[in-house]
Amino acid sequence: MMSMYFTKDHEWIKVDGDTGVVGITAYAQHALGDIVYVEVPESGRELRLGGDAAVVESVKAASEVYSPVSGTVTAGNAVLADQPALVNESPEDQAWFFKLTLSNPTELEGLMDRAAYDEYVAGLE
């Protein structure tokens, strides 16, 4: 069964076993505006919890995407290089940024579930 978690920096991770898929939330893409460029990590890259993982640029700003957990990248979403606007259209589904193998699944305990994240975002507005 796949579980979904969120960070206070507006990344999401969908986890199935020790595999995670990471992207940015609908809130994040809305705040950034029209996405014009995405840089995803390469396979084999080691990521640390909270470390820089990817870059997303919009007409307004460039923003780092942080890894919600530690692990090894198994794939970057190459589609985003050609279609960065997909992040605006499908932020929590098709526009995932990277997949990784979790090196420390207990780190998920520090993340929010959907209800907690929605409450967090409501407090920002």
PDB file of N, CA and C in Angstrom:
ATOM      1  N   MET A   1       0.838  -1.194   0.000  1.00  0.00           N
ATOM      2  CA  MET A   1       0.000   0.000   0.000  1.00  0.00           C
ATOM      3  C   MET A   1       0.882   1.256   0.000  1.00  0.00           C
ATOM      4  N   MET A   2       0.493   2.232  -0.768  1.00  0.00           N
ATOM      5  CA  MET A   2       1.286   3.455  -0.872  1.00  0.00           C
ATOM      6  C   MET A   2       0.811   4.487   0.142  1.00  0.00           C
ATOM      7  N   SER A   3       1.772   5.050   0.885  1.00  0.00           N
ATOM      8  CA  SER A   3       1.469   6.114   1.839  1.00  0.00           C
ATOM      9  C   SER A   3       2.069   7.411   1.315  1.00  0.00           C
ATOM     10  N   MET A   4       1.404   8.528   1.618  1.00  0.00           N
ATOM     11  CA  MET A   4       1.888   9.827   1.149  1.00  0.00           C
ATOM     12  C   MET A   4       2.165  10.715   2.352  1.00  0.00           C
ATOM     13  N   TYR A   5       3.340  11.369   2.302  1.00  0.00           N
ATOM     14  CA  TYR A   5       3.764  12.250   3.385  1.00  0.00           C
ATOM     15  C   TYR A   5       4.175  13.600   2.808  1.00  0.00           C
ATOM     16  N   PHE A   6       4.215  14.614   3.692  1.00  0.00           N
ATOM     17  CA  PHE A   6       4.504  15.985   3.264  1.00  0.00           C
ATOM     18  C   PHE A   6       5.513  16.640   4.194  1.00  0.00           C
ATOM     19  N   THR A   7       6.266  17.620   3.633  1.00  0.00           N
ATOM     20  CA  THR A   7       7.212  18.399   4.437  1.00  0.00           C
ATOM     21  C   THR A   7       6.709  19.827   4.580  1.00  0.00           C
ATOM     22  N   LYS A   8       7.296  20.556   5.525  1.00  0.00           N
ATOM     23  CA  LYS A   8       6.944  21.971   5.694  1.00  0.00           C
ATOM     24  C   LYS A   8       7.487  22.820   4.555  1.00  0.00           C
ATOM     25  N   ASP A   9       8.395  22.244   3.740  1.00  0.00           N
ATOM     26  CA  ASP A   9       8.913  22.948   2.559  1.00  0.00           C
ATOM     27  C   ASP A   9       8.094  22.625   1.312  1.00  0.00           C
ATOM     28  N   HIS A  10       6.972  21.918   1.504  1.00  0.00           N
ATOM     29  CA  HIS A  10       6.012  21.636   0.427  1.00  0.00           C
ATOM     30  C   HIS A  10       6.502  20.605  -0.590  1.00  0.00           C
ATOM     31  N   GLU A  11       7.292  19.632  -0.113  1.00  0.00           N
ATOM     32  CA  GLU A  11       7.558  18.449  -0.921  1.00  0.00           C
ATOM     33  C   GLU A  11       6.601  17.353  -0.463  1.00  0.00           C
ATOM     34  N   TRP A  12       6.314  16.438  -1.370  1.00  0.00           N
ATOM     35  CA  TRP A  12       5.564  15.238  -0.989  1.00  0.00           C
ATOM     36  C   TRP A  12       6.410  14.023  -1.338  1.00  0.00           C
ATOM     37  N   ILE A  13       6.142  12.937  -0.632  1.00  0.00           N
ATOM     38  CA  ILE A  13       6.753  11.651  -0.963  1.00  0.00           C
ATOM     39  C   ILE A  13       5.693  10.568  -0.843  1.00  0.00           C
ATOM     40  N   LYS A  14       5.590   9.772  -1.889  1.00  0.00           N
ATOM     41  CA  LYS A  14       4.716   8.602  -1.876  1.00  0.00           C
ATOM     42  C   LYS A  14       5.623   7.407  -1.660  1.00  0.00           C
ATOM     43  N   VAL A  15       5.316   6.605  -0.647  1.00  0.00           N
ATOM     44  CA  VAL A  15       6.190   5.506  -0.254  1.00  0.00           C
ATOM     45  C   VAL A  15       5.490   4.169  -0.417  1.00  0.00           C
ATOM     46  N   ASP A  16       6.220   3.231  -1.036  1.00  0.00           N
ATOM     47  CA  ASP A  16       5.758   1.856  -1.174  1.00  0.00           C
ATOM     48  C   ASP A  16       6.940   0.982  -0.795  1.00  0.00           C
ATOM     49  N   GLY A  17       6.890   0.354   0.379  1.00  0.00           N
ATOM     50  CA  GLY A  17       8.028  -0.418   0.861  1.00  0.00           C
ATOM     51  C   GLY A  17       9.190   0.509   1.151  1.00  0.00           C
ATOM     52  N   ASP A  18      10.363   0.260   0.520  1.00  0.00           N
ATOM     53  CA  ASP A  18      11.513   1.135   0.757  1.00  0.00           C
ATOM     54  C   ASP A  18      11.761   2.052  -0.437  1.00  0.00           C
ATOM     55  N   THR A  19      10.737   2.205  -1.298  1.00  0.00           N
ATOM     56  CA  THR A  19      10.845   3.063  -2.474  1.00  0.00           C
ATOM     57  C   THR A  19       9.978   4.299  -2.296  1.00  0.00           C
ATOM     58  N   GLY A  20      10.546   5.467  -2.611  1.00  0.00           N
ATOM     59  CA  GLY A  20       9.795   6.709  -2.508  1.00  0.00           C
ATOM     60  C   GLY A  20       9.793   7.455  -3.828  1.00  0.00           C
ATOM     61  N   VAL A  21       8.702   8.152  -4.096  1.00  0.00           N
ATOM     62  CA  VAL A  21       8.578   9.032  -5.258  1.00  0.00           C
ATOM     63  C   VAL A  21       8.340  10.423  -4.699  1.00  0.00           C
ATOM     64  N   VAL A  22       9.108  11.422  -5.177  1.00  0.00           N
ATOM     65  CA  VAL A  22       9.096  12.754  -4.576  1.00  0.00           C
ATOM     66  C   VAL A  22       8.720  13.825  -5.596  1.00  0.00           C
ATOM     67  N   GLY A  23       7.944  14.803  -5.151  1.00  0.00           N
ATOM     68  CA  GLY A  23       7.605  15.954  -5.983  1.00  0.00           C
ATOM     69  C   GLY A  23       7.258  17.134  -5.100  1.00  0.00           C
ATOM     70  N   ILE A  24       6.732  18.188  -5.726  1.00  0.00           N
ATOM     71  CA  ILE A  24       6.291  19.344  -4.937  1.00  0.00           C
ATOM     72  C   ILE A  24       4.764  19.396  -4.932  1.00  0.00           C
ATOM     73  N   THR A  25       4.234  20.015  -3.907  1.00  0.00           N
ATOM     74  CA  THR A  25       2.789  20.023  -3.710  1.00  0.00           C
ATOM     75  C   THR A  25       2.078  21.043  -4.600  1.00  0.00           C
ATOM     76  N   ALA A  26       0.774  20.898  -4.681  1.00  0.00           N
ATOM     77  CA  ALA A  26      -0.059  21.848  -5.419  1.00  0.00           C
ATOM     78  C   ALA A  26       0.128  23.250  -4.841  1.00  0.00           C
ATOM     79  N   TYR A  27       0.257  23.336  -3.507  1.00  0.00           N
ATOM     80  CA  TYR A  27       0.470  24.633  -2.874  1.00  0.00           C
ATOM     81  C   TYR A  27       1.768  25.272  -3.377  1.00  0.00           C
ATOM     82  N   ALA A  28       2.834  24.473  -3.453  1.00  0.00           N
ATOM     83  CA  ALA A  28       4.139  24.988  -3.886  1.00  0.00           C
ATOM     84  C   ALA A  28       4.103  25.472  -5.327  1.00  0.00           C
ATOM     85  N   GLN A  29       3.532  24.675  -6.220  1.00  0.00           N
ATOM     86  CA  GLN A  29       3.514  25.088  -7.633  1.00  0.00           C
ATOM     87  C   GLN A  29       2.657  26.332  -7.812  1.00  0.00           C
ATOM     88  N   HIS A  30       1.572  26.446  -7.035  1.00  0.00           N
ATOM     89  CA  HIS A  30       0.706  27.627  -7.119  1.00  0.00           C
ATOM     90  C   HIS A  30       1.457  28.874  -6.648  1.00  0.00           C
ATOM     91  N   ALA A  31       2.238  28.714  -5.570  1.00  0.00           N
ATOM     92  CA  ALA A  31       3.005  29.841  -5.039  1.00  0.00           C
ATOM     93  C   ALA A  31       4.102  30.272  -6.023  1.00  0.00           C
ATOM     94  N   LEU A  32       4.692  29.314  -6.721  1.00  0.00           N
ATOM     95  CA  LEU A  32       5.762  29.626  -7.675  1.00  0.00           C
ATOM     96  C   LEU A  32       5.234  30.278  -8.950  1.00  0.00           C
ATOM     97  N   GLY A  33       4.038  29.900  -9.362  1.00  0.00           N
ATOM     98  CA  GLY A  33       3.499  30.401 -10.627  1.00  0.00           C
ATOM     99  C   GLY A  33       3.929  29.500 -11.778  1.00  0.00           C
ATOM    100  N   ASP A  34       4.003  30.064 -12.986  1.00  0.00           N
ATOM    101  CA  ASP A  34       4.301  29.258 -14.171  1.00  0.00           C
ATOM    102  C   ASP A  34       5.718  28.705 -14.126  1.00  0.00           C
ATOM    103  N   ILE A  35       5.829  27.381 -14.084  1.00  0.00           N
ATOM    104  CA  ILE A  35       7.126  26.699 -14.026  1.00  0.00           C
ATOM    105  C   ILE A  35       7.750  26.693 -15.419  1.00  0.00           C
ATOM    106  N   VAL A  36       9.015  27.143 -15.504  1.00  0.00           N
ATOM    107  CA  VAL A  36       9.690  27.225 -16.804  1.00  0.00           C
ATOM    108  C   VAL A  36      10.902  26.303 -16.917  1.00  0.00           C
ATOM    109  N   TYR A  37      11.382  25.775 -15.784  1.00  0.00           N
ATOM    110  CA  TYR A  37      12.575  24.934 -15.819  1.00  0.00           C
ATOM    111  C   TYR A  37      12.606  24.031 -14.592  1.00  0.00           C
ATOM    112  N   VAL A  38      12.978  22.773 -14.807  1.00  0.00           N
ATOM    113  CA  VAL A  38      13.135  21.834 -13.698  1.00  0.00           C
ATOM    114  C   VAL A  38      14.435  21.066 -13.900  1.00  0.00           C
ATOM    115  N   GLU A  39      15.223  20.959 -12.844  1.00  0.00           N
ATOM    116  CA  GLU A  39      16.437  20.140 -12.868  1.00  0.00           C
ATOM    117  C   GLU A  39      16.270  19.045 -11.831  1.00  0.00           C
ATOM    118  N   VAL A  40      16.320  17.782 -12.269  1.00  0.00           N
ATOM    119  CA  VAL A  40      16.135  16.656 -11.360  1.00  0.00           C
ATOM    120  C   VAL A  40      17.475  15.961 -11.114  1.00  0.00           C
ATOM    121  N   PRO A  41      17.591  15.242  -9.999  1.00  0.00           N
ATOM    122  CA  PRO A  41      18.859  14.567  -9.701  1.00  0.00           C
ATOM    123  C   PRO A  41      19.070  13.330 -10.586  1.00  0.00           C
ATOM    124  N   GLU A  42      20.335  12.974 -10.764  1.00  0.00           N
ATOM    125  CA  GLU A  42      20.681  11.800 -11.561  1.00  0.00           C
ATOM    126  C   GLU A  42      20.601  10.530 -10.733  1.00  0.00           C
ATOM    127  N   SER A  43      20.358   9.410 -11.408  1.00  0.00           N
ATOM    128  CA  SER A  43      20.363   8.103 -10.749  1.00  0.00           C
ATOM    129  C   SER A  43      21.692   7.872 -10.068  1.00  0.00           C
ATOM    130  N   GLY A  44      21.634   7.268  -8.891  1.00  0.00           N
ATOM    131  CA  GLY A  44      22.846   6.950  -8.157  1.00  0.00           C
ATOM    132  C   GLY A  44      23.252   8.020  -7.164  1.00  0.00           C
ATOM    133  N   ARG A  45      22.651   9.206  -7.263  1.00  0.00           N
ATOM    134  CA  ARG A  45      23.013  10.289  -6.337  1.00  0.00           C
ATOM    135  C   ARG A  45      22.496   9.976  -4.932  1.00  0.00           C
ATOM    136  N   GLU A  46      23.348  10.202  -3.955  1.00  0.00           N
ATOM    137  CA  GLU A  46      22.962  10.000  -2.553  1.00  0.00           C
ATOM    138  C   GLU A  46      22.358  11.302  -2.030  1.00  0.00           C
ATOM    139  N   LEU A  47      21.181  11.209  -1.447  1.00  0.00           N
ATOM    140  CA  LEU A  47      20.527  12.394  -0.891  1.00  0.00           C
ATOM    141  C   LEU A  47      20.405  12.253   0.620  1.00  0.00           C
ATOM    142  N   ARG A  48      20.529  13.384   1.309  1.00  0.00           N
ATOM    143  CA  ARG A  48      20.343  13.421   2.752  1.00  0.00           C
ATOM    144  C   ARG A  48      19.012  14.071   3.078  1.00  0.00           C
ATOM    145  N   LEU A  49      18.437  13.676   4.179  1.00  0.00           N
ATOM    146  CA  LEU A  49      17.211  14.296   4.670  1.00  0.00           C
ATOM    147  C   LEU A  49      17.407  15.807   4.722  1.00  0.00           C
ATOM    148  N   GLY A  50      16.552  16.556   4.011  1.00  0.00           N
ATOM    149  CA  GLY A  50      16.616  18.012   4.023  1.00  0.00           C
ATOM    150  C   GLY A  50      17.669  18.600   3.096  1.00  0.00           C
ATOM    151  N   GLY A  51      18.417  17.750   2.394  1.00  0.00           N
ATOM    152  CA  GLY A  51      19.452  18.240   1.491  1.00  0.00           C
ATOM    153  C   GLY A  51      18.885  18.635   0.137  1.00  0.00           C
ATOM    154  N   ASP A  52      19.629  19.477  -0.584  1.00  0.00           N
ATOM    155  CA  ASP A  52      19.208  19.886  -1.928  1.00  0.00           C
ATOM    156  C   ASP A  52      19.082  18.661  -2.825  1.00  0.00           C
ATOM    157  N   ALA A  53      17.984  18.572  -3.560  1.00  0.00           N
ATOM    158  CA  ALA A  53      17.779  17.419  -4.435  1.00  0.00           C
ATOM    159  C   ALA A  53      17.511  17.839  -5.875  1.00  0.00           C
ATOM    160  N   ALA A  54      16.751  18.909  -6.051  1.00  0.00           N
ATOM    161  CA  ALA A  54      16.349  19.340  -7.389  1.00  0.00           C
ATOM    162  C   ALA A  54      16.176  20.858  -7.381  1.00  0.00           C
ATOM    163  N   VAL A  55      15.983  21.414  -8.577  1.00  0.00           N
ATOM    164  CA  VAL A  55      15.751  22.849  -8.714  1.00  0.00           C
ATOM    165  C   VAL A  55      14.519  23.042  -9.571  1.00  0.00           C
ATOM    166  N   VAL A  56      13.676  23.978  -9.174  1.00  0.00           N
ATOM    167  CA  VAL A  56      12.509  24.328  -9.976  1.00  0.00           C
ATOM    168  C   VAL A  56      12.509  25.846 -10.142  1.00  0.00           C
ATOM    169  N   GLU A  57      12.329  26.293 -11.390  1.00  0.00           N
ATOM    170  CA  GLU A  57      12.309  27.731 -11.657  1.00  0.00           C
ATOM    171  C   GLU A  57      10.979  28.109 -12.285  1.00  0.00           C
ATOM    172  N   SER A  58      10.481  29.256 -11.836  1.00  0.00           N
ATOM    173  CA  SER A  58       9.249  29.789 -12.414  1.00  0.00           C
ATOM    174  C   SER A  58       9.559  31.179 -12.962  1.00  0.00           C
ATOM    175  N   VAL A  59       8.556  31.804 -13.534  1.00  0.00           N
ATOM    176  CA  VAL A  59       8.747  33.169 -14.014  1.00  0.00           C
ATOM    177  C   VAL A  59       9.031  34.109 -12.849  1.00  0.00           C
ATOM    178  N   LYS A  60       8.642  33.722 -11.633  1.00  0.00           N
ATOM    179  CA  LYS A  60       8.834  34.553 -10.454  1.00  0.00           C
ATOM    180  C   LYS A  60      10.146  34.292  -9.718  1.00  0.00           C
ATOM    181  N   ALA A  61      10.533  33.018  -9.587  1.00  0.00           N
ATOM    182  CA  ALA A  61      11.650  32.687  -8.700  1.00  0.00           C
ATOM    183  C   ALA A  61      12.224  31.314  -9.007  1.00  0.00           C
ATOM    184  N   ALA A  62      13.432  31.093  -8.510  1.00  0.00           N
ATOM    185  CA  ALA A  62      14.031  29.757  -8.537  1.00  0.00           C
ATOM    186  C   ALA A  62      13.959  29.222  -7.115  1.00  0.00           C
ATOM    187  N   SER A  63      13.735  27.927  -6.990  1.00  0.00           N
ATOM    188  CA  SER A  63      13.560  27.346  -5.676  1.00  0.00           C
ATOM    189  C   SER A  63      14.242  25.984  -5.612  1.00  0.00           C
ATOM    190  N   GLU A  64      14.856  25.706  -4.475  1.00  0.00           N
ATOM    191  CA  GLU A  64      15.431  24.381  -4.265  1.00  0.00           C
ATOM    192  C   GLU A  64      14.304  23.427  -3.880  1.00  0.00           C
ATOM    193  N   VAL A  65      14.460  22.191  -4.276  1.00  0.00           N
ATOM    194  CA  VAL A  65      13.570  21.124  -3.812  1.00  0.00           C
ATOM    195  C   VAL A  65      14.438  20.249  -2.916  1.00  0.00           C
ATOM    196  N   TYR A  66      13.993  20.037  -1.690  1.00  0.00           N
ATOM    197  CA  TYR A  66      14.770  19.293  -0.709  1.00  0.00           C
ATOM    198  C   TYR A  66      14.268  17.863  -0.618  1.00  0.00           C
ATOM    199  N   SER A  67      15.171  16.959  -0.280  1.00  0.00           N
ATOM    200  CA  SER A  67      14.770  15.566  -0.136  1.00  0.00           C
ATOM    201  C   SER A  67      14.073  15.373   1.208  1.00  0.00           C
ATOM    202  N   PRO A  68      12.865  14.811   1.200  1.00  0.00           N
ATOM    203  CA  PRO A  68      12.145  14.612   2.455  1.00  0.00           C
ATOM    204  C   PRO A  68      12.722  13.479   3.315  1.00  0.00           C
ATOM    205  N   VAL A  69      13.572  12.653   2.713  1.00  0.00           N
ATOM    206  CA  VAL A  69      14.211  11.536   3.410  1.00  0.00           C
ATOM    207  C   VAL A  69      15.612  11.324   2.827  1.00  0.00           C
ATOM    208  N   SER A  70      16.407  10.512   3.495  1.00  0.00           N
ATOM    209  CA  SER A  70      17.716  10.118   2.976  1.00  0.00           C
ATOM    210  C   SER A  70      17.548   8.898   2.075  1.00  0.00           C
ATOM    211  N   GLY A  71      18.392   8.822   1.036  1.00  0.00           N
ATOM    212  CA  GLY A  71      18.322   7.657   0.166  1.00  0.00           C
ATOM    213  C   GLY A  71      19.129   7.834  -1.094  1.00  0.00           C
ATOM    214  N   THR A  72      19.024   6.855  -1.979  1.00  0.00           N
ATOM    215  CA  THR A  72      19.754   6.850  -3.237  1.00  0.00           C
ATOM    216  C   THR A  72      18.761   7.006  -4.382  1.00  0.00           C
ATOM    217  N   VAL A  73      19.012   7.989  -5.242  1.00  0.00           N
ATOM    218  CA  VAL A  73      18.131   8.242  -6.388  1.00  0.00           C
ATOM    219  C   VAL A  73      18.184   7.055  -7.353  1.00  0.00           C
ATOM    220  N   THR A  74      17.013   6.565  -7.747  1.00  0.00           N
ATOM    221  CA  THR A  74      16.943   5.487  -8.731  1.00  0.00           C
ATOM    222  C   THR A  74      16.478   6.003 -10.083  1.00  0.00           C
ATOM    223  N   ALA A  75      15.824   7.172 -10.107  1.00  0.00           N
ATOM    224  CA  ALA A  75      15.377   7.765 -11.369  1.00  0.00           C
ATOM    225  C   ALA A  75      15.028   9.228 -11.169  1.00  0.00           C
ATOM    226  N   GLY A  76      15.337  10.028 -12.200  1.00  0.00           N
ATOM    227  CA  GLY A  76      14.861  11.405 -12.252  1.00  0.00           C
ATOM    228  C   GLY A  76      13.810  11.452 -13.349  1.00  0.00           C
ATOM    229  N   ASN A  77      12.826  12.321 -13.215  1.00  0.00           N
ATOM    230  CA  ASN A  77      11.757  12.405 -14.218  1.00  0.00           C
ATOM    231  C   ASN A  77      12.219  13.253 -15.403  1.00  0.00           C
ATOM    232  N   ALA A  78      12.737  12.579 -16.435  1.00  0.00           N
ATOM    233  CA  ALA A  78      13.291  13.264 -17.609  1.00  0.00           C
ATOM    234  C   ALA A  78      12.245  14.069 -18.368  1.00  0.00           C
ATOM    235  N   VAL A  79      10.991  13.698 -18.257  1.00  0.00           N
ATOM    236  CA  VAL A  79       9.908  14.401 -18.957  1.00  0.00           C
ATOM    237  C   VAL A  79       9.874  15.879 -18.573  1.00  0.00           C
ATOM    238  N   LEU A  80      10.243  16.180 -17.320  1.00  0.00           N
ATOM    239  CA  LEU A  80      10.153  17.559 -16.827  1.00  0.00           C
ATOM    240  C   LEU A  80      11.131  18.501 -17.516  1.00  0.00           C
ATOM    241  N   ALA A  81      12.223  17.968 -18.068  1.00  0.00           N
ATOM    242  CA  ALA A  81      13.177  18.813 -18.791  1.00  0.00           C
ATOM    243  C   ALA A  81      12.511  19.437 -20.019  1.00  0.00           C
ATOM    244  N   ASP A  82      11.678  18.641 -20.698  1.00  0.00           N
ATOM    245  CA  ASP A  82      10.998  19.116 -21.908  1.00  0.00           C
ATOM    246  C   ASP A  82       9.643  19.743 -21.603  1.00  0.00           C
ATOM    247  N   GLN A  83       9.031  19.326 -20.502  1.00  0.00           N
ATOM    248  CA  GLN A  83       7.680  19.800 -20.174  1.00  0.00           C
ATOM    249  C   GLN A  83       7.602  20.287 -18.733  1.00  0.00           C
ATOM    250  N   PRO A  84       8.345  21.362 -18.396  1.00  0.00           N
ATOM    251  CA  PRO A  84       8.321  21.837 -17.006  1.00  0.00           C
ATOM    252  C   PRO A  84       6.926  22.281 -16.548  1.00  0.00           C
ATOM    253  N   ALA A  85       6.080  22.709 -17.488  1.00  0.00           N
ATOM    254  CA  ALA A  85       4.729  23.158 -17.119  1.00  0.00           C
ATOM    255  C   ALA A  85       3.867  22.024 -16.569  1.00  0.00           C
ATOM    256  N   LEU A  86       4.313  20.784 -16.774  1.00  0.00           N
ATOM    257  CA  LEU A  86       3.585  19.641 -16.213  1.00  0.00           C
ATOM    258  C   LEU A  86       3.490  19.759 -14.695  1.00  0.00           C
ATOM    259  N   VAL A  87       4.472  20.428 -14.089  1.00  0.00           N
ATOM    260  CA  VAL A  87       4.450  20.624 -12.636  1.00  0.00           C
ATOM    261  C   VAL A  87       3.229  21.456 -12.236  1.00  0.00           C
ATOM    262  N   ASN A  88       2.847  22.428 -13.072  1.00  0.00           N
ATOM    263  CA  ASN A  88       1.656  23.220 -12.789  1.00  0.00           C
ATOM    264  C   ASN A  88       0.378  22.414 -13.011  1.00  0.00           C
ATOM    265  N   GLU A  89       0.422  21.516 -13.987  1.00  0.00           N
ATOM    266  CA  GLU A  89      -0.780  20.770 -14.366  1.00  0.00           C
ATOM    267  C   GLU A  89      -1.044  19.557 -13.481  1.00  0.00           C
ATOM    268  N   SER A  90       0.011  18.881 -13.039  1.00  0.00           N
ATOM    269  CA  SER A  90      -0.152  17.623 -12.316  1.00  0.00           C
ATOM    270  C   SER A  90       0.913  17.476 -11.227  1.00  0.00           C
ATOM    271  N   PRO A  91       0.956  18.431 -10.275  1.00  0.00           N
ATOM    272  CA  PRO A  91       2.070  18.467  -9.319  1.00  0.00           C
ATOM    273  C   PRO A  91       2.172  17.237  -8.428  1.00  0.00           C
ATOM    274  N   GLU A  92       1.042  16.637  -8.091  1.00  0.00           N
ATOM    275  CA  GLU A  92       1.091  15.534  -7.134  1.00  0.00           C
ATOM    276  C   GLU A  92       0.854  14.185  -7.800  1.00  0.00           C
ATOM    277  N   ASP A  93       1.082  14.130  -9.134  1.00  0.00           N
ATOM    278  CA  ASP A  93       0.896  12.862  -9.831  1.00  0.00           C
ATOM    279  C   ASP A  93       1.970  12.689 -10.906  1.00  0.00           C
ATOM    280  N   GLN A  94       1.701  13.163 -12.131  1.00  0.00           N
ATOM    281  CA  GLN A  94       2.616  12.936 -13.249  1.00  0.00           C
ATOM    282  C   GLN A  94       3.929  13.696 -13.135  1.00  0.00           C
ATOM    283  N   ALA A  95       3.934  14.831 -12.456  1.00  0.00           N
ATOM    284  CA  ALA A  95       5.134  15.673 -12.392  1.00  0.00           C
ATOM    285  C   ALA A  95       6.003  15.357 -11.176  1.00  0.00           C
ATOM    286  N   TRP A  96       6.173  14.074 -10.879  1.00  0.00           N
ATOM    287  CA  TRP A  96       7.130  13.696  -9.822  1.00  0.00           C
ATOM    288  C   TRP A  96       8.519  14.114 -10.267  1.00  0.00           C
ATOM    289  N   PHE A  97       9.397  14.391  -9.317  1.00  0.00           N
ATOM    290  CA  PHE A  97      10.751  14.856  -9.630  1.00  0.00           C
ATOM    291  C   PHE A  97      11.759  13.711  -9.654  1.00  0.00           C
ATOM    292  N   PHE A  98      11.696  12.849  -8.635  1.00  0.00           N
ATOM    293  CA  PHE A  98      12.641  11.728  -8.599  1.00  0.00           C
ATOM    294  C   PHE A  98      12.110  10.587  -7.745  1.00  0.00           C
ATOM    295  N   LYS A  99      12.700   9.416  -7.993  1.00  0.00           N
ATOM    296  CA  LYS A  99      12.404   8.227  -7.199  1.00  0.00           C
ATOM    297  C   LYS A  99      13.679   7.871  -6.455  1.00  0.00           C
ATOM    298  N   LEU A 100      13.525   7.317  -5.256  1.00  0.00           N
ATOM    299  CA  LEU A 100      14.698   6.920  -4.503  1.00  0.00           C
ATOM    300  C   LEU A 100      14.420   5.709  -3.642  1.00  0.00           C
ATOM    301  N   THR A 101      15.505   5.039  -3.241  1.00  0.00           N
ATOM    302  CA  THR A 101      15.436   3.951  -2.271  1.00  0.00           C
ATOM    303  C   THR A 101      15.757   4.560  -0.918  1.00  0.00           C
ATOM    304  N   LEU A 102      14.842   4.410   0.033  1.00  0.00           N
ATOM    305  CA  LEU A 102      15.024   4.996   1.360  1.00  0.00           C
ATOM    306  C   LEU A 102      16.132   4.280   2.112  1.00  0.00           C
ATOM    307  N   SER A 103      17.059   5.037   2.690  1.00  0.00           N
ATOM    308  CA  SER A 103      18.116   4.414   3.481  1.00  0.00           C
ATOM    309  C   SER A 103      17.744   4.374   4.963  1.00  0.00           C
ATOM    310  N   ASN A 104      16.773   5.195   5.372  1.00  0.00           N
ATOM    311  CA  ASN A 104      16.356   5.224   6.772  1.00  0.00           C
ATOM    312  C   ASN A 104      14.855   5.513   6.857  1.00  0.00           C
ATOM    313  N   PRO A 105      14.018   4.471   6.662  1.00  0.00           N
ATOM    314  CA  PRO A 105      12.563   4.678   6.632  1.00  0.00           C
ATOM    315  C   PRO A 105      11.982   5.328   7.886  1.00  0.00           C
ATOM    316  N   THR A 106      12.683   5.265   9.028  1.00  0.00           N
ATOM    317  CA  THR A 106      12.150   5.890  10.241  1.00  0.00           C
ATOM    318  C   THR A 106      12.059   7.407  10.093  1.00  0.00           C
ATOM    319  N   GLU A 107      12.785   7.993   9.117  1.00  0.00           N
ATOM    320  CA  GLU A 107      12.699   9.442   8.898  1.00  0.00           C
ATOM    321  C   GLU A 107      11.291   9.867   8.502  1.00  0.00           C
ATOM    322  N   LEU A 108      10.501   8.956   7.972  1.00  0.00           N
ATOM    323  CA  LEU A 108       9.123   9.276   7.575  1.00  0.00           C
ATOM    324  C   LEU A 108       8.292   9.731   8.769  1.00  0.00           C
ATOM    325  N   GLU A 109       8.674   9.292   9.959  1.00  0.00           N
ATOM    326  CA  GLU A 109       7.922   9.651  11.165  1.00  0.00           C
ATOM    327  C   GLU A 109       7.939  11.149  11.431  1.00  0.00           C
ATOM    328  N   GLY A 110       8.936  11.862  10.861  1.00  0.00           N
ATOM    329  CA  GLY A 110       9.013  13.306  11.050  1.00  0.00           C
ATOM    330  C   GLY A 110       8.197  14.101  10.052  1.00  0.00           C
ATOM    331  N   LEU A 111       7.515  13.417   9.129  1.00  0.00           N
ATOM    332  CA  LEU A 111       6.742  14.091   8.097  1.00  0.00           C
ATOM    333  C   LEU A 111       5.262  14.122   8.451  1.00  0.00           C
ATOM    334  N   MET A 112       4.506  14.939   7.709  1.00  0.00           N
ATOM    335  CA  MET A 112       3.072  15.094   7.947  1.00  0.00           C
ATOM    336  C   MET A 112       2.262  14.216   7.003  1.00  0.00           C
ATOM    337  N   ASP A 113       1.087  13.781   7.463  1.00  0.00           N
ATOM    338  CA  ASP A 113       0.153  13.138   6.546  1.00  0.00           C
ATOM    339  C   ASP A 113      -0.678  14.240   5.876  1.00  0.00           C
ATOM    340  N   ARG A 114      -1.568  13.865   4.974  1.00  0.00           N
ATOM    341  CA  ARG A 114      -2.349  14.851   4.208  1.00  0.00           C
ATOM    342  C   ARG A 114      -3.141  15.784   5.127  1.00  0.00           C
ATOM    343  N   ALA A 115      -3.802  15.249   6.134  1.00  0.00           N
ATOM    344  CA  ALA A 115      -4.631  16.078   7.022  1.00  0.00           C
ATOM    345  C   ALA A 115      -3.773  17.103   7.768  1.00  0.00           C
ATOM    346  N   ALA A 116      -2.624  16.658   8.269  1.00  0.00           N
ATOM    347  CA  ALA A 116      -1.733  17.565   8.996  1.00  0.00           C
ATOM    348  C   ALA A 116      -1.160  18.624   8.060  1.00  0.00           C
ATOM    349  N   TYR A 117      -0.829  18.215   6.836  1.00  0.00           N
ATOM    350  CA  TYR A 117      -0.278  19.163   5.862  1.00  0.00           C
ATOM    351  C   TYR A 117      -1.332  20.203   5.477  1.00  0.00           C
ATOM    352  N   ASP A 118      -2.547  19.753   5.222  1.00  0.00           N
ATOM    353  CA  ASP A 118      -3.625  20.688   4.859  1.00  0.00           C
ATOM    354  C   ASP A 118      -3.848  21.706   5.973  1.00  0.00           C
ATOM    355  N   GLU A 119      -3.772  21.247   7.213  1.00  0.00           N
ATOM    356  CA  GLU A 119      -3.930  22.143   8.363  1.00  0.00           C
ATOM    357  C   GLU A 119      -2.762  23.130   8.421  1.00  0.00           C
ATOM    358  N   TYR A 120      -1.551  22.644   8.163  1.00  0.00           N
ATOM    359  CA  TYR A 120      -0.352  23.490   8.134  1.00  0.00           C
ATOM    360  C   TYR A 120      -0.493  24.584   7.068  1.00  0.00           C
ATOM    361  N   VAL A 121      -0.903  24.192   5.872  1.00  0.00           N
ATOM    362  CA  VAL A 121      -1.055  25.153   4.768  1.00  0.00           C
ATOM    363  C   VAL A 121      -2.143  26.175   5.087  1.00  0.00           C
ATOM    364  N   ALA A 122      -3.230  25.724   5.679  1.00  0.00           N
ATOM    365  CA  ALA A 122      -4.321  26.650   6.043  1.00  0.00           C
ATOM    366  C   ALA A 122      -3.811  27.718   7.005  1.00  0.00           C
ATOM    367  N   GLY A 123      -2.860  27.355   7.851  1.00  0.00           N
ATOM    368  CA  GLY A 123      -2.290  28.303   8.801  1.00  0.00           C
ATOM    369  C   GLY A 123      -1.357  29.323   8.142  1.00  0.00           C
ATOM    370  N   LEU A 124      -0.952  29.064   6.904  1.00  0.00           N
ATOM    371  CA  LEU A 124      -0.045  29.971   6.189  1.00  0.00           C
ATOM    372  C   LEU A 124      -0.804  31.069   5.454  1.00  0.00           C
ATOM    373  N   GLU A 125      -2.095  30.847   5.244  1.00  0.00           N
ATOM    374  CA  GLU A 125      -2.862  31.775   4.392  1.00  0.00           C
ATOM    375  C   GLU A 125      -3.502  32.894   5.167  1.00  0.00           C
TER     376      GLU A 125
END
